N, C-alpha and C. Protein backbone atom coordinates (compact mmCIF):
# COMPACT_ATOMS: atom_id res chain seq x y z
N MET A 1 69.53 86.42 101.64
CA MET A 1 70.46 86.05 100.25
C MET A 1 70.72 87.65 99.98
N GLY A 2 69.99 88.39 100.04
CA GLY A 2 70.20 89.91 99.41
C GLY A 2 71.53 90.46 100.02
N ARG A 3 71.19 90.26 101.18
CA ARG A 3 72.44 91.02 102.31
C ARG A 3 73.95 90.61 101.75
N PRO A 4 74.17 89.47 101.93
CA PRO A 4 75.60 89.26 101.55
C PRO A 4 76.04 89.61 100.16
N PHE A 5 75.27 89.70 98.92
CA PHE A 5 75.71 90.07 97.51
C PHE A 5 75.54 91.66 97.67
N PHE A 6 74.55 92.11 98.75
CA PHE A 6 74.93 93.72 98.88
C PHE A 6 76.11 94.30 99.34
N ALA A 7 76.82 93.33 100.44
CA ALA A 7 77.81 93.66 101.55
C ALA A 7 78.89 93.63 100.52
N CYS A 8 79.39 92.69 99.43
CA CYS A 8 80.20 92.45 98.52
C CYS A 8 80.15 93.49 98.00
N ARG A 9 79.24 94.13 97.42
CA ARG A 9 79.29 95.30 96.37
C ARG A 9 80.06 96.17 97.03
N ARG A 10 79.66 96.43 98.34
CA ARG A 10 80.12 97.72 99.29
C ARG A 10 81.47 97.50 99.11
N VAL A 11 82.07 96.39 99.31
CA VAL A 11 83.38 96.09 99.31
C VAL A 11 84.16 96.44 98.75
N GLU A 12 83.51 96.16 97.51
CA GLU A 12 84.12 96.79 95.98
C GLU A 12 84.40 98.02 95.65
N CYS A 13 82.99 98.69 96.19
CA CYS A 13 83.33 100.02 95.99
C CYS A 13 84.22 101.15 96.79
N ASN A 14 84.51 100.14 98.35
CA ASN A 14 85.43 100.81 98.79
C ASN A 14 86.87 100.68 98.46
N LEU A 15 86.88 99.26 97.94
CA LEU A 15 88.19 99.04 97.48
C LEU A 15 88.49 100.07 96.00
N ARG A 16 87.71 100.16 95.12
CA ARG A 16 87.49 101.15 94.18
C ARG A 16 88.19 102.61 94.77
N HIS A 17 87.38 103.39 95.92
CA HIS A 17 87.71 104.51 96.56
C HIS A 17 89.53 104.59 97.00
N LEU A 18 89.82 103.26 97.13
CA LEU A 18 90.79 103.60 97.72
C LEU A 18 92.11 103.36 96.51
N LYS A 19 91.84 102.72 95.73
CA LYS A 19 92.61 102.37 94.55
C LYS A 19 92.63 103.72 93.31
N ILE A 20 91.48 103.77 93.30
CA ILE A 20 91.11 105.03 92.40
C ILE A 20 90.81 106.35 92.67
N THR A 21 90.05 106.68 93.45
CA THR A 21 89.86 107.87 93.93
C THR A 21 90.86 108.58 94.80
N LEU A 22 91.86 107.68 95.55
CA LEU A 22 92.58 108.43 96.32
C LEU A 22 94.16 108.07 95.35
N GLY A 23 93.76 107.31 94.30
CA GLY A 23 95.26 107.23 93.93
C GLY A 23 95.87 106.21 94.16
N MET A 24 95.39 105.13 94.60
CA MET A 24 96.53 103.86 95.31
C MET A 24 96.49 102.74 94.28
N ASP A 25 96.31 103.35 93.16
CA ASP A 25 96.41 101.76 92.09
C ASP A 25 97.77 101.67 91.55
N VAL A 26 98.93 102.47 91.69
CA VAL A 26 100.10 102.54 91.48
C VAL A 26 100.94 103.14 92.37
N LEU A 27 101.43 102.53 93.85
CA LEU A 27 102.28 103.16 94.82
C LEU A 27 103.66 103.45 93.97
N LYS A 28 104.40 104.56 94.21
CA LYS A 28 105.36 105.25 94.06
C LYS A 28 106.60 105.10 94.66
N CYS A 29 106.71 104.19 95.80
CA CYS A 29 108.09 103.71 96.60
C CYS A 29 108.51 102.62 95.93
N LYS A 30 109.65 102.57 96.06
CA LYS A 30 110.21 101.42 95.62
C LYS A 30 111.08 100.46 96.89
N SER A 31 111.16 100.85 97.98
CA SER A 31 111.71 99.84 99.18
C SER A 31 110.54 99.67 100.05
N VAL A 32 110.50 98.36 100.59
CA VAL A 32 109.81 98.06 101.48
C VAL A 32 109.22 99.03 102.59
N GLN A 33 110.08 99.81 103.19
CA GLN A 33 109.64 100.96 104.61
C GLN A 33 108.91 102.15 103.75
N GLY A 34 108.97 102.32 102.31
CA GLY A 34 108.48 103.16 101.54
C GLY A 34 106.79 103.01 100.98
N VAL A 35 106.94 101.46 100.56
CA VAL A 35 105.41 101.08 100.49
C VAL A 35 104.89 101.00 101.75
N LEU A 36 105.43 100.50 103.05
CA LEU A 36 104.62 100.38 103.79
C LEU A 36 104.13 101.75 104.50
N ARG A 37 105.07 102.84 104.28
CA ARG A 37 104.70 103.83 104.72
C ARG A 37 103.51 104.58 104.00
N GLU A 38 103.56 104.57 102.55
CA GLU A 38 102.68 104.78 101.90
C GLU A 38 100.96 104.34 101.83
N LEU A 39 101.26 102.93 102.08
CA LEU A 39 99.97 102.06 102.35
C LEU A 39 99.59 102.64 103.81
N PHE A 40 100.27 103.32 104.94
CA PHE A 40 99.71 103.42 106.17
C PHE A 40 98.93 105.01 105.91
N MET A 41 99.75 105.65 105.28
CA MET A 41 98.95 107.41 104.95
C MET A 41 97.69 107.24 103.70
N PHE A 42 97.41 106.06 102.79
CA PHE A 42 96.48 106.45 102.20
C PHE A 42 95.32 105.32 103.32
N ALA A 43 95.67 104.53 104.36
CA ALA A 43 94.61 104.08 105.18
C ALA A 43 94.42 105.36 106.49
N LEU A 44 95.25 105.98 106.29
CA LEU A 44 94.96 107.22 107.52
C LEU A 44 94.18 107.99 106.54
N VAL A 45 94.34 108.65 105.44
CA VAL A 45 93.23 109.20 104.90
C VAL A 45 91.76 108.78 104.50
N TYR A 46 92.05 107.42 104.15
CA TYR A 46 90.99 106.71 104.02
C TYR A 46 89.96 106.68 105.15
N ASN A 47 90.29 106.60 106.46
CA ASN A 47 89.81 106.59 107.56
C ASN A 47 89.20 107.89 107.88
N LEU A 48 90.28 108.87 107.64
CA LEU A 48 89.87 110.24 107.82
C LEU A 48 88.34 110.82 107.26
N VAL A 49 88.55 110.13 105.84
CA VAL A 49 87.57 110.36 104.96
C VAL A 49 86.13 109.73 105.68
N ARG A 50 86.29 108.63 105.96
CA ARG A 50 84.96 107.77 106.59
C ARG A 50 84.61 108.46 107.64
N ALA A 51 85.39 109.27 108.39
CA ALA A 51 85.05 109.48 109.40
C ALA A 51 83.89 111.02 109.68
N VAL A 52 84.48 111.45 108.38
CA VAL A 52 83.76 112.75 108.16
C VAL A 52 82.39 112.22 107.23
N MET A 53 82.24 111.37 106.70
CA MET A 53 81.11 110.54 106.31
C MET A 53 80.36 110.01 107.31
N ALA A 54 81.03 109.46 108.25
CA ALA A 54 79.87 109.31 109.60
C ALA A 54 79.10 110.12 110.16
N GLN A 55 80.07 111.17 110.54
CA GLN A 55 79.57 112.60 111.12
C GLN A 55 78.94 113.08 110.34
N ALA A 56 78.78 113.29 108.86
CA ALA A 56 77.67 113.91 107.63
C ALA A 56 76.57 113.00 107.96
N ALA A 57 76.65 111.84 108.10
CA ALA A 57 75.27 110.55 108.14
C ALA A 57 74.73 110.93 109.18
N GLN A 58 75.31 110.96 110.47
CA GLN A 58 74.52 111.14 111.71
C GLN A 58 73.87 112.35 111.76
N GLU A 59 74.37 113.53 111.24
CA GLU A 59 73.55 114.81 111.27
C GLU A 59 72.49 114.89 110.68
N ALA A 60 72.69 114.32 109.47
CA ALA A 60 71.33 114.22 108.14
C ALA A 60 70.65 112.60 108.52
N GLY A 61 71.01 111.80 109.55
CA GLY A 61 70.07 110.95 109.80
C GLY A 61 69.83 109.85 108.74
N VAL A 62 71.01 109.31 107.98
CA VAL A 62 71.05 108.36 106.97
C VAL A 62 72.25 107.37 107.36
N ALA A 63 72.18 106.52 106.46
CA ALA A 63 73.08 105.41 106.68
C ALA A 63 74.56 106.16 106.24
N PRO A 64 75.75 105.90 106.71
CA PRO A 64 77.05 106.33 106.37
C PRO A 64 77.45 106.07 104.89
N ASP A 65 76.70 105.10 104.08
CA ASP A 65 77.19 104.67 102.84
C ASP A 65 76.22 105.31 101.71
N ARG A 66 75.45 106.31 102.34
CA ARG A 66 74.72 107.23 101.49
C ARG A 66 75.40 108.58 101.27
N VAL A 67 76.42 108.71 102.11
CA VAL A 67 77.26 110.00 101.40
C VAL A 67 78.23 109.69 100.65
N SER A 68 78.52 110.89 99.98
CA SER A 68 79.33 110.53 98.38
C SER A 68 80.91 110.81 99.48
N PHE A 69 81.69 109.72 98.96
CA PHE A 69 82.87 109.44 99.33
C PHE A 69 84.27 110.54 98.62
N VAL A 70 83.64 110.86 97.49
CA VAL A 70 84.16 111.73 96.48
C VAL A 70 84.40 113.26 97.27
N ASP A 71 82.55 113.47 97.59
CA ASP A 71 82.31 114.85 97.99
C ASP A 71 83.30 115.15 99.69
N ALA A 72 83.27 113.99 100.56
CA ALA A 72 83.94 114.29 101.72
C ALA A 72 85.53 114.21 101.46
N LEU A 73 85.82 113.54 100.42
CA LEU A 73 87.38 114.30 100.46
C LEU A 73 87.69 115.54 99.51
N ARG A 74 86.70 115.70 98.93
CA ARG A 74 86.71 117.47 98.56
C ARG A 74 86.69 118.34 99.91
N TRP A 75 85.52 117.60 100.69
CA TRP A 75 85.44 118.61 101.84
C TRP A 75 86.58 118.86 102.84
N LEU A 76 87.10 117.69 102.94
CA LEU A 76 88.29 117.50 103.52
C LEU A 76 89.99 118.67 102.99
N ARG A 77 89.86 118.64 102.01
CA ARG A 77 90.81 119.29 101.05
C ARG A 77 90.09 120.91 101.13
N GLN A 78 89.01 121.38 101.04
CA GLN A 78 88.67 122.33 101.17
C GLN A 78 88.76 123.05 102.64
N ALA A 79 88.35 122.24 103.43
CA ALA A 79 88.49 122.47 104.67
C ALA A 79 89.88 122.96 105.26
N LEU A 80 91.04 122.57 104.57
CA LEU A 80 92.23 122.95 104.80
C LEU A 80 92.44 124.45 104.38
N SER A 81 92.17 124.87 103.13
CA SER A 81 92.28 126.19 102.93
C SER A 81 91.01 126.94 103.73
N ASP A 82 90.84 128.51 103.36
CA ASP A 82 90.07 129.19 104.00
C ASP A 82 88.74 129.63 103.71
N GLU A 83 88.39 128.42 102.46
CA GLU A 83 87.38 128.86 101.87
C GLU A 83 86.05 127.90 102.57
N VAL A 84 84.47 128.64 102.64
CA VAL A 84 83.81 127.77 103.19
C VAL A 84 83.69 126.33 102.90
N PRO A 85 83.35 125.46 103.37
CA PRO A 85 83.33 124.01 103.19
C PRO A 85 81.91 123.66 102.18
N LEU A 86 82.08 123.09 101.43
CA LEU A 86 80.95 122.28 100.65
C LEU A 86 79.77 121.72 101.49
N ARG A 87 78.90 121.62 101.05
CA ARG A 87 77.79 120.45 101.91
C ARG A 87 78.08 119.60 101.10
N LEU A 88 78.14 118.50 101.94
CA LEU A 88 78.26 116.87 101.50
C LEU A 88 77.04 116.57 100.69
N THR A 89 77.04 115.83 99.77
CA THR A 89 76.14 115.15 99.00
C THR A 89 75.34 113.88 99.51
N ILE A 90 74.28 113.74 100.04
CA ILE A 90 73.30 112.35 100.35
C ILE A 90 73.03 112.07 99.05
N ASN A 91 72.99 110.45 98.84
CA ASN A 91 72.87 109.78 97.51
C ASN A 91 71.78 109.17 97.80
N PRO A 92 71.20 109.22 96.80
CA PRO A 92 69.42 108.90 97.14
C PRO A 92 69.55 107.27 97.11
N LEU A 93 68.44 106.52 97.69
CA LEU A 93 68.47 105.19 97.86
C LEU A 93 68.19 104.31 96.48
N ARG A 94 69.16 103.64 96.11
CA ARG A 94 68.63 103.12 94.77
C ARG A 94 68.80 101.38 94.86
N PRO A 95 67.92 100.92 95.31
CA PRO A 95 68.07 99.26 95.79
C PRO A 95 67.50 98.59 94.26
N GLY A 96 68.74 97.66 94.14
CA GLY A 96 68.65 96.65 93.09
C GLY A 96 69.31 97.21 92.30
N ARG A 97 70.13 98.51 92.29
CA ARG A 97 70.97 99.06 91.01
C ARG A 97 72.40 98.02 90.67
N PHE A 98 72.41 97.63 89.64
CA PHE A 98 73.45 96.68 89.39
C PHE A 98 74.28 97.04 88.09
N HIS A 99 75.46 97.35 88.17
CA HIS A 99 75.86 97.45 86.56
C HIS A 99 76.81 96.52 86.48
N PRO A 100 76.92 95.65 84.98
CA PRO A 100 77.75 94.53 84.75
C PRO A 100 79.18 95.06 84.81
N ARG A 101 80.42 94.08 84.93
CA ARG A 101 81.60 94.29 85.32
C ARG A 101 82.03 94.30 83.89
N VAL A 102 82.52 95.58 83.08
CA VAL A 102 83.19 94.99 81.82
C VAL A 102 84.23 96.35 81.36
N ARG A 103 84.94 96.23 80.76
CA ARG A 103 86.08 96.84 80.33
C ARG A 103 85.39 97.91 79.57
N LYS A 104 85.63 99.42 79.74
CA LYS A 104 85.20 100.02 78.79
C LYS A 104 86.30 100.47 77.77
N ARG A 105 87.61 100.26 77.77
CA ARG A 105 88.56 100.90 76.88
C ARG A 105 89.69 99.31 76.64
N ARG A 106 89.88 99.19 75.28
CA ARG A 106 90.84 98.54 75.09
C ARG A 106 92.11 98.71 75.58
N PRO A 107 92.73 97.52 75.93
CA PRO A 107 94.13 97.92 76.29
C PRO A 107 95.10 98.37 75.09
N LYS A 108 96.03 99.05 75.23
CA LYS A 108 97.04 99.68 74.32
C LYS A 108 97.97 98.70 73.71
N GLN A 109 98.24 98.92 72.53
CA GLN A 109 99.23 97.66 71.79
C GLN A 109 100.31 97.97 71.72
N TYR A 110 100.58 98.40 72.78
CA TYR A 110 102.21 98.72 72.93
C TYR A 110 103.03 97.39 73.72
N PRO A 111 103.84 97.12 73.58
CA PRO A 111 104.53 95.74 74.37
C PRO A 111 104.67 96.44 75.88
N LEU A 112 104.83 95.48 76.92
CA LEU A 112 105.34 95.61 78.04
C LEU A 112 106.74 95.77 78.19
N MET A 113 107.00 96.78 79.33
CA MET A 113 108.57 97.20 79.41
C MET A 113 108.92 96.32 80.52
N THR A 114 109.61 95.36 79.71
CA THR A 114 110.29 94.05 80.36
C THR A 114 112.01 94.39 80.71
N LYS A 115 112.24 95.55 80.39
CA LYS A 115 114.13 95.92 80.51
C LYS A 115 113.75 96.98 80.92
N PRO A 116 115.15 97.33 81.67
CA PRO A 116 115.27 98.82 82.41
C PRO A 116 115.11 99.93 81.30
N ARG A 117 114.69 101.35 81.54
CA ARG A 117 114.31 102.04 80.64
C ARG A 117 115.76 102.34 80.06
N HIS A 118 116.98 102.17 80.65
CA HIS A 118 118.21 102.86 79.91
C HIS A 118 118.76 101.81 79.23
N GLU A 119 118.34 100.78 79.33
CA GLU A 119 118.51 99.34 78.20
C GLU A 119 117.87 99.75 77.24
N LEU A 120 116.66 99.93 77.42
CA LEU A 120 115.42 100.48 75.81
C LEU A 120 116.06 101.64 75.11
N LEU A 121 116.34 102.51 75.80
CA LEU A 121 116.60 103.74 75.19
C LEU A 121 118.04 103.41 73.98
N LYS A 122 119.38 102.37 74.46
CA LYS A 122 120.34 101.97 73.53
C LYS A 122 119.68 101.41 72.36
N THR A 123 118.46 101.19 72.41
CA THR A 123 118.04 100.24 71.15
C THR A 123 117.74 100.95 70.17
N PRO A 124 118.07 100.47 68.54
CA PRO A 124 117.56 101.66 67.67
C PRO A 124 116.53 102.17 67.42
N GLU A 125 115.98 103.21 66.36
CA GLU A 125 114.81 103.77 66.98
C GLU A 125 113.61 103.08 66.45
N ARG A 126 114.15 102.23 65.47
CA ARG A 126 113.22 101.56 64.49
C ARG A 126 112.77 100.35 65.29
N GLN A 127 113.52 100.04 66.53
CA GLN A 127 113.09 98.95 66.97
C GLN A 127 112.65 98.92 68.32
N ARG A 128 112.27 100.14 68.94
CA ARG A 128 111.53 100.77 70.15
C ARG A 128 110.09 100.52 70.06
N VAL A 129 109.66 100.92 69.27
CA VAL A 129 108.19 100.42 68.96
C VAL A 129 107.39 99.63 68.18
N PRO A 130 107.22 98.52 68.02
CA PRO A 130 106.54 98.03 66.72
C PRO A 130 105.62 98.12 66.10
N ALA A 131 105.91 97.90 64.88
CA ALA A 131 104.32 98.54 63.99
C ALA A 131 103.59 97.82 63.77
């Protein structure tokens, strides 16, 4: 019973790495081809970071999910420069660790942008942001 729950949490962490750590939460391209190209590049970078994590885990004799994703990403960025690469962090085993899913910050009280920006700029100053 404990295994599927743990696997689900790992999937959520992997999606968080894709969306937040790599910055894929908001795609910047507007065309279908651009979005597909952007998704392909995110997948490529994600797999490259995972390969670095797997190699570091094999050298340390631990499971790959114990290697820090953020450290592996930093290691790759630093490997492109002439600096000496950092040592990757091996996270300690923490079985049963669980944090409830809650929102830390309240959403902003500004209205959603439902019209194009050029139309919003034509509105009078006092109507742009409700009081």
